[in-house]
Amino acid sequence: MNAQQLIAFLNALTFGDLSALASKLEHARSACSALGHGEIAEVIGEAAAALKGGDVKTYRRKLETAVARLGHAKKA
């Protein structure tokens, strides 16, 4: 999965059951790590933790942060 695909994948994580979202977040985190974006993978991990804790506002904010950082990394 390249950065562009990862951005689209993360942008699509808005609805679904919690276990499916958690699984997709873990997949995205692993893909980010494989691309060498460890910091962004940590942000995705924080999003997963927020979702698990029921903090939807932080979950969305962390996903938006990850997408923005991937966009910047893609341009570099």
PDB file of N, CA and C in Angstrom:
ATOM      1  N   MET A   1       0.855  -1.170   0.000  1.00  0.00           N
ATOM      2  CA  MET A   1       0.000   0.000   0.000  1.00  0.00           C
ATOM      3  C   MET A   1       0.903   1.236   0.000  1.00  0.00           C
ATOM      4  N   ASN A   2       0.695   2.115  -0.978  1.00  0.00           N
ATOM      5  CA  ASN A   2       1.502   3.336  -1.020  1.00  0.00           C
ATOM      6  C   ASN A   2       0.817   4.445  -0.219  1.00  0.00           C
ATOM      7  N   ALA A   3       1.460   5.594  -0.127  1.00  0.00           N
ATOM      8  CA  ALA A   3       0.938   6.689   0.692  1.00  0.00           C
ATOM      9  C   ALA A   3      -0.435   7.146   0.213  1.00  0.00           C
ATOM     10  N   GLN A   4      -0.635   7.263  -1.094  1.00  0.00           N
ATOM     11  CA  GLN A   4      -1.925   7.702  -1.636  1.00  0.00           C
ATOM     12  C   GLN A   4      -3.040   6.719  -1.274  1.00  0.00           C
ATOM     13  N   GLN A   5      -2.770   5.439  -1.382  1.00  0.00           N
ATOM     14  CA  GLN A   5      -3.753   4.418  -1.032  1.00  0.00           C
ATOM     15  C   GLN A   5      -4.047   4.453   0.466  1.00  0.00           C
ATOM     16  N   LEU A   6      -3.012   4.677   1.254  1.00  0.00           N
ATOM     17  CA  LEU A   6      -3.173   4.742   2.697  1.00  0.00           C
ATOM     18  C   LEU A   6      -4.033   5.935   3.107  1.00  0.00           C
ATOM     19  N   ILE A   7      -3.849   7.066   2.443  1.00  0.00           N
ATOM     20  CA  ILE A   7      -4.670   8.253   2.712  1.00  0.00           C
ATOM     21  C   ILE A   7      -6.142   7.933   2.420  1.00  0.00           C
ATOM     22  N   ALA A   8      -6.413   7.326   1.281  1.00  0.00           N
ATOM     23  CA  ALA A   8      -7.790   6.967   0.920  1.00  0.00           C
ATOM     24  C   ALA A   8      -8.371   5.972   1.920  1.00  0.00           C
ATOM     25  N   PHE A   9      -7.568   5.023   2.339  1.00  0.00           N
ATOM     26  CA  PHE A   9      -7.998   4.010   3.303  1.00  0.00           C
ATOM     27  C   PHE A   9      -8.379   4.661   4.628  1.00  0.00           C
ATOM     28  N   LEU A  10      -7.526   5.567   5.112  1.00  0.00           N
ATOM     29  CA  LEU A  10      -7.807   6.234   6.387  1.00  0.00           C
ATOM     30  C   LEU A  10      -9.025   7.146   6.286  1.00  0.00           C
ATOM     31  N   ASN A  11      -9.181   7.818   5.178  1.00  0.00           N
ATOM     32  CA  ASN A  11     -10.335   8.697   4.996  1.00  0.00           C
ATOM     33  C   ASN A  11     -11.648   7.917   4.986  1.00  0.00           C
ATOM     34  N   ALA A  12     -11.597   6.648   4.646  1.00  0.00           N
ATOM     35  CA  ALA A  12     -12.804   5.826   4.589  1.00  0.00           C
ATOM     36  C   ALA A  12     -13.195   5.234   5.948  1.00  0.00           C
ATOM     37  N   LEU A  13     -12.372   5.412   6.959  1.00  0.00           N
ATOM     38  CA  LEU A  13     -12.651   4.814   8.267  1.00  0.00           C
ATOM     39  C   LEU A  13     -13.559   5.719   9.104  1.00  0.00           C
ATOM     40  N   THR A  14     -14.811   5.796   8.715  1.00  0.00           N
ATOM     41  CA  THR A  14     -15.744   6.638   9.461  1.00  0.00           C
ATOM     42  C   THR A  14     -16.870   5.830  10.089  1.00  0.00           C
ATOM     43  N   PHE A  15     -17.298   4.755   9.454  1.00  0.00           N
ATOM     44  CA  PHE A  15     -18.413   3.956   9.962  1.00  0.00           C
ATOM     45  C   PHE A  15     -18.026   2.492  10.018  1.00  0.00           C
ATOM     46  N   GLY A  16     -18.707   1.758  10.872  1.00  0.00           N
ATOM     47  CA  GLY A  16     -18.476   0.330  10.984  1.00  0.00           C
ATOM     48  C   GLY A  16     -18.451  -0.083  12.438  1.00  0.00           C
ATOM     49  N   ASP A  17     -18.408  -1.383  12.670  1.00  0.00           N
ATOM     50  CA  ASP A  17     -18.351  -1.814  14.063  1.00  0.00           C
ATOM     51  C   ASP A  17     -16.935  -1.622  14.598  1.00  0.00           C
ATOM     52  N   LEU A  18     -16.831  -1.524  15.888  1.00  0.00           N
ATOM     53  CA  LEU A  18     -15.543  -1.187  16.515  1.00  0.00           C
ATOM     54  C   LEU A  18     -14.448  -2.193  16.209  1.00  0.00           C
ATOM     55  N   SER A  19     -14.781  -3.464  16.206  1.00  0.00           N
ATOM     56  CA  SER A  19     -13.730  -4.461  15.948  1.00  0.00           C
ATOM     57  C   SER A  19     -13.216  -4.359  14.514  1.00  0.00           C
ATOM     58  N   ALA A  20     -14.110  -4.075  13.564  1.00  0.00           N
ATOM     59  CA  ALA A  20     -13.677  -3.924  12.171  1.00  0.00           C
ATOM     60  C   ALA A  20     -12.807  -2.679  12.018  1.00  0.00           C
ATOM     61  N   LEU A  21     -13.221  -1.576  12.645  1.00  0.00           N
ATOM     62  CA  LEU A  21     -12.416  -0.349  12.580  1.00  0.00           C
ATOM     63  C   LEU A  21     -11.052  -0.558  13.231  1.00  0.00           C
ATOM     64  N   ALA A  22     -11.030  -1.235  14.369  1.00  0.00           N
ATOM     65  CA  ALA A  22      -9.762  -1.490  15.060  1.00  0.00           C
ATOM     66  C   ALA A  22      -8.835  -2.329  14.190  1.00  0.00           C
ATOM     67  N   SER A  23      -9.395  -3.323  13.523  1.00  0.00           N
ATOM     68  CA  SER A  23      -8.593  -4.171  12.630  1.00  0.00           C
ATOM     69  C   SER A  23      -8.030  -3.360  11.461  1.00  0.00           C
ATOM     70  N   LYS A  24      -8.855  -2.498  10.885  1.00  0.00           N
ATOM     71  CA  LYS A  24      -8.403  -1.665   9.772  1.00  0.00           C
ATOM     72  C   LYS A  24      -7.348  -0.662  10.220  1.00  0.00           C
ATOM     73  N   LEU A  25      -7.503  -0.123  11.421  1.00  0.00           N
ATOM     74  CA  LEU A  25      -6.497   0.806  11.944  1.00  0.00           C
ATOM     75  C   LEU A  25      -5.163   0.098  12.140  1.00  0.00           C
ATOM     76  N   GLU A  26      -5.205  -1.131  12.619  1.00  0.00           N
ATOM     77  CA  GLU A  26      -3.969  -1.900  12.800  1.00  0.00           C
ATOM     78  C   GLU A  26      -3.319  -2.178  11.452  1.00  0.00           C
ATOM     79  N   HIS A  27      -4.113  -2.477  10.454  1.00  0.00           N
ATOM     80  CA  HIS A  27      -3.596  -2.693   9.095  1.00  0.00           C
ATOM     81  C   HIS A  27      -2.928  -1.408   8.583  1.00  0.00           C
ATOM     82  N   ALA A  28      -3.585  -0.279   8.784  1.00  0.00           N
ATOM     83  CA  ALA A  28      -3.039   1.013   8.346  1.00  0.00           C
ATOM     84  C   ALA A  28      -1.757   1.346   9.110  1.00  0.00           C
ATOM     85  N   ARG A  29      -1.743   1.054  10.418  1.00  0.00           N
ATOM     86  CA  ARG A  29      -0.549   1.321  11.221  1.00  0.00           C
ATOM     87  C   ARG A  29       0.627   0.494  10.725  1.00  0.00           C
ATOM     88  N   SER A  30       0.377  -0.763  10.436  1.00  0.00           N
ATOM     89  CA  SER A  30       1.432  -1.646   9.922  1.00  0.00           C
ATOM     90  C   SER A  30       1.937  -1.168   8.562  1.00  0.00           C
ATOM     91  N   ALA A  31       1.013  -0.754   7.699  1.00  0.00           N
ATOM     92  CA  ALA A  31       1.398  -0.262   6.367  1.00  0.00           C
ATOM     93  C   ALA A  31       2.241   0.996   6.490  1.00  0.00           C
ATOM     94  N   CYS A  32       1.874   1.857   7.427  1.00  0.00           N
ATOM     95  CA  CYS A  32       2.637   3.099   7.642  1.00  0.00           C
ATOM     96  C   CYS A  32       4.057   2.769   8.111  1.00  0.00           C
ATOM     97  N   SER A  33       4.156   1.850   9.029  1.00  0.00           N
ATOM     98  CA  SER A  33       5.475   1.437   9.519  1.00  0.00           C
ATOM     99  C   SER A  33       6.311   0.855   8.388  1.00  0.00           C
ATOM    100  N   ALA A  34       5.687   0.051   7.538  1.00  0.00           N
ATOM    101  CA  ALA A  34       6.396  -0.562   6.411  1.00  0.00           C
ATOM    102  C   ALA A  34       6.908   0.484   5.428  1.00  0.00           C
ATOM    103  N   LEU A  35       6.195   1.606   5.329  1.00  0.00           N
ATOM    104  CA  LEU A  35       6.631   2.696   4.446  1.00  0.00           C
ATOM    105  C   LEU A  35       7.699   3.570   5.104  1.00  0.00           C
ATOM    106  N   GLY A  36       8.018   3.287   6.367  1.00  0.00           N
ATOM    107  CA  GLY A  36       9.042   4.050   7.070  1.00  0.00           C
ATOM    108  C   GLY A  36       8.519   5.301   7.749  1.00  0.00           C
ATOM    109  N   HIS A  37       7.230   5.352   7.996  1.00  0.00           N
ATOM    110  CA  HIS A  37       6.620   6.503   8.654  1.00  0.00           C
ATOM    111  C   HIS A  37       6.205   6.122  10.080  1.00  0.00           C
ATOM    112  N   GLY A  38       7.197   5.886  10.922  1.00  0.00           N
ATOM    113  CA  GLY A  38       6.951   5.456  12.292  1.00  0.00           C
ATOM    114  C   GLY A  38       6.144   6.445  13.111  1.00  0.00           C
ATOM    115  N   GLU A  39       6.416   7.744  12.947  1.00  0.00           N
ATOM    116  CA  GLU A  39       5.674   8.764  13.692  1.00  0.00           C
ATOM    117  C   GLU A  39       4.202   8.744  13.331  1.00  0.00           C
ATOM    118  N   ILE A  40       3.916   8.584  12.058  1.00  0.00           N
ATOM    119  CA  ILE A  40       2.522   8.556  11.614  1.00  0.00           C
ATOM    120  C   ILE A  40       1.850   7.274  12.107  1.00  0.00           C
ATOM    121  N   ALA A  41       2.587   6.186  12.136  1.00  0.00           N
ATOM    122  CA  ALA A  41       2.051   4.930  12.665  1.00  0.00           C
ATOM    123  C   ALA A  41       1.667   5.100  14.139  1.00  0.00           C
ATOM    124  N   GLU A  42       2.461   5.856  14.888  1.00  0.00           N
ATOM    125  CA  GLU A  42       2.133   6.120  16.290  1.00  0.00           C
ATOM    126  C   GLU A  42       0.842   6.914  16.410  1.00  0.00           C
ATOM    127  N   VAL A  43       0.644   7.884  15.536  1.00  0.00           N
ATOM    128  CA  VAL A  43      -0.582   8.684  15.548  1.00  0.00           C
ATOM    129  C   VAL A  43      -1.789   7.788  15.262  1.00  0.00           C
ATOM    130  N   ILE A  44      -1.645   6.862  14.329  1.00  0.00           N
ATOM    131  CA  ILE A  44      -2.725   5.928  14.034  1.00  0.00           C
ATOM    132  C   ILE A  44      -2.998   5.041  15.249  1.00  0.00           C
ATOM    133  N   GLY A  45      -1.954   4.640  15.949  1.00  0.00           N
ATOM    134  CA  GLY A  45      -2.124   3.878  17.182  1.00  0.00           C
ATOM    135  C   GLY A  45      -2.876   4.671  18.236  1.00  0.00           C
ATOM    136  N   GLU A  46      -2.589   5.968  18.317  1.00  0.00           N
ATOM    137  CA  GLU A  46      -3.306   6.836  19.251  1.00  0.00           C
ATOM    138  C   GLU A  46      -4.773   6.959  18.856  1.00  0.00           C
ATOM    139  N   ALA A  47      -5.041   6.985  17.561  1.00  0.00           N
ATOM    140  CA  ALA A  47      -6.427   7.029  17.079  1.00  0.00           C
ATOM    141  C   ALA A  47      -7.161   5.752  17.494  1.00  0.00           C
ATOM    142  N   ALA A  48      -6.498   4.631  17.357  1.00  0.00           N
ATOM    143  CA  ALA A  48      -7.101   3.349  17.743  1.00  0.00           C
ATOM    144  C   ALA A  48      -7.406   3.324  19.241  1.00  0.00           C
ATOM    145  N   ALA A  49      -6.479   3.835  20.038  1.00  0.00           N
ATOM    146  CA  ALA A  49      -6.697   3.868  21.486  1.00  0.00           C
ATOM    147  C   ALA A  49      -7.866   4.784  21.842  1.00  0.00           C
ATOM    148  N   ALA A  50      -7.964   5.919  21.160  1.00  0.00           N
ATOM    149  CA  ALA A  50      -9.075   6.842  21.407  1.00  0.00           C
ATOM    150  C   ALA A  50     -10.405   6.190  21.042  1.00  0.00           C
ATOM    151  N   LEU A  51     -10.426   5.478  19.925  1.00  0.00           N
ATOM    152  CA  LEU A  51     -11.649   4.804  19.503  1.00  0.00           C
ATOM    153  C   LEU A  51     -12.049   3.741  20.523  1.00  0.00           C
ATOM    154  N   LYS A  52     -11.076   2.980  20.978  1.00  0.00           N
ATOM    155  CA  LYS A  52     -11.348   1.936  21.966  1.00  0.00           C
ATOM    156  C   LYS A  52     -11.900   2.541  23.255  1.00  0.00           C
ATOM    157  N   GLY A  53     -11.413   3.746  23.605  1.00  0.00           N
ATOM    158  CA  GLY A  53     -11.883   4.421  24.810  1.00  0.00           C
ATOM    159  C   GLY A  53     -13.170   5.204  24.616  1.00  0.00           C
ATOM    160  N   GLY A  54     -13.692   5.218  23.395  1.00  0.00           N
ATOM    161  CA  GLY A  54     -14.943   5.907  23.135  1.00  0.00           C
ATOM    162  C   GLY A  54     -14.811   7.399  22.880  1.00  0.00           C
ATOM    163  N   ASP A  55     -13.594   7.866  22.682  1.00  0.00           N
ATOM    164  CA  ASP A  55     -13.352   9.290  22.427  1.00  0.00           C
ATOM    165  C   ASP A  55     -13.336   9.530  20.926  1.00  0.00           C
ATOM    166  N   VAL A  56     -14.520   9.711  20.354  1.00  0.00           N
ATOM    167  CA  VAL A  56     -14.665   9.834  18.902  1.00  0.00           C
ATOM    168  C   VAL A  56     -14.018  11.118  18.392  1.00  0.00           C
ATOM    169  N   LYS A  57     -14.091  12.179  19.163  1.00  0.00           N
ATOM    170  CA  LYS A  57     -13.497  13.453  18.743  1.00  0.00           C
ATOM    171  C   LYS A  57     -11.984  13.309  18.554  1.00  0.00           C
ATOM    172  N   THR A  58     -11.320  12.698  19.515  1.00  0.00           N
ATOM    173  CA  THR A  58      -9.873  12.490  19.414  1.00  0.00           C
ATOM    174  C   THR A  58      -9.554  11.506  18.297  1.00  0.00           C
ATOM    175  N   TYR A  59     -10.368  10.479  18.143  1.00  0.00           N
ATOM    176  CA  TYR A  59     -10.190   9.509  17.068  1.00  0.00           C
ATOM    177  C   TYR A  59     -10.163  10.216  15.716  1.00  0.00           C
ATOM    178  N   ARG A  60     -11.169  11.057  15.440  1.00  0.00           N
ATOM    179  CA  ARG A  60     -11.242  11.773  14.163  1.00  0.00           C
ATOM    180  C   ARG A  60     -10.059  12.731  14.004  1.00  0.00           C
ATOM    181  N   ARG A  61      -9.711  13.428  15.075  1.00  0.00           N
ATOM    182  CA  ARG A  61      -8.597  14.381  15.017  1.00  0.00           C
ATOM    183  C   ARG A  61      -7.284  13.661  14.712  1.00  0.00           C
ATOM    184  N   LYS A  62      -7.064  12.527  15.341  1.00  0.00           N
ATOM    185  CA  LYS A  62      -5.832  11.759  15.098  1.00  0.00           C
ATOM    186  C   LYS A  62      -5.793  11.217  13.668  1.00  0.00           C
ATOM    187  N   LEU A  63      -6.935  10.752  13.166  1.00  0.00           N
ATOM    188  CA  LEU A  63      -6.970  10.279  11.777  1.00  0.00           C
ATOM    189  C   LEU A  63      -6.667  11.420  10.822  1.00  0.00           C
ATOM    190  N   GLU A  64      -7.255  12.592  11.072  1.00  0.00           N
ATOM    191  CA  GLU A  64      -6.993  13.751  10.224  1.00  0.00           C
ATOM    192  C   GLU A  64      -5.522  14.142  10.263  1.00  0.00           C
ATOM    193  N   THR A  65      -4.915  14.056  11.440  1.00  0.00           N
ATOM    194  CA  THR A  65      -3.490  14.351  11.583  1.00  0.00           C
ATOM    195  C   THR A  65      -2.652  13.368  10.770  1.00  0.00           C
ATOM    196  N   ALA A  66      -2.984  12.080  10.860  1.00  0.00           N
ATOM    197  CA  ALA A  66      -2.248  11.053  10.114  1.00  0.00           C
ATOM    198  C   ALA A  66      -2.367  11.283   8.609  1.00  0.00           C
ATOM    199  N   VAL A  67      -3.570  11.604   8.144  1.00  0.00           N
ATOM    200  CA  VAL A  67      -3.789  11.841   6.719  1.00  0.00           C
ATOM    201  C   VAL A  67      -2.979  13.066   6.254  1.00  0.00           C
ATOM    202  N   ALA A  68      -3.011  14.125   7.042  1.00  0.00           N
ATOM    203  CA  ALA A  68      -2.265  15.340   6.681  1.00  0.00           C
ATOM    204  C   ALA A  68      -0.765  15.063   6.626  1.00  0.00           C
ATOM    205  N   ARG A  69      -0.258  14.334   7.599  1.00  0.00           N
ATOM    206  CA  ARG A  69       1.186  14.036   7.612  1.00  0.00           C
ATOM    207  C   ARG A  69       1.572  13.127   6.443  1.00  0.00           C
ATOM    208  N   LEU A  70       0.696  12.189   6.100  1.00  0.00           N
ATOM    209  CA  LEU A  70       0.968  11.343   4.947  1.00  0.00           C
ATOM    210  C   LEU A  70       0.981  12.165   3.671  1.00  0.00           C
ATOM    211  N   GLY A  71       0.094  13.133   3.579  1.00  0.00           N
ATOM    212  CA  GLY A  71       0.055  13.999   2.412  1.00  0.00           C
ATOM    213  C   GLY A  71       1.343  14.780   2.269  1.00  0.00           C
ATOM    214  N   HIS A  72       1.868  15.283   3.384  1.00  0.00           N
ATOM    215  CA  HIS A  72       3.128  16.009   3.356  1.00  0.00           C
ATOM    216  C   HIS A  72       4.293  15.072   3.027  1.00  0.00           C
ATOM    217  N   ALA A  73       4.269  13.878   3.582  1.00  0.00           N
ATOM    218  CA  ALA A  73       5.347  12.910   3.335  1.00  0.00           C
ATOM    219  C   ALA A  73       5.354  12.464   1.874  1.00  0.00           C
ATOM    220  N   LYS A  74       4.164  12.363   1.300  1.00  0.00           N
ATOM    221  CA  LYS A  74       4.037  11.945  -0.106  1.00  0.00           C
ATOM    222  C   LYS A  74       4.683  12.972  -1.036  1.00  0.00           C
ATOM    223  N   LYS A  75       4.574  14.234  -0.679  1.00  0.00           N
ATOM    224  CA  LYS A  75       5.120  15.314  -1.514  1.00  0.00           C
ATOM    225  C   LYS A  75       6.636  15.424  -1.388  1.00  0.00           C
ATOM    226  N   ALA A  76       7.176  14.935  -0.262  1.00  0.00           N
ATOM    227  CA  ALA A  76       8.620  15.054  -0.022  1.00  0.00           C
ATOM    228  C   ALA A  76       9.415  14.080  -0.839  1.00  0.00           C
TER     229      ALA A  76
END
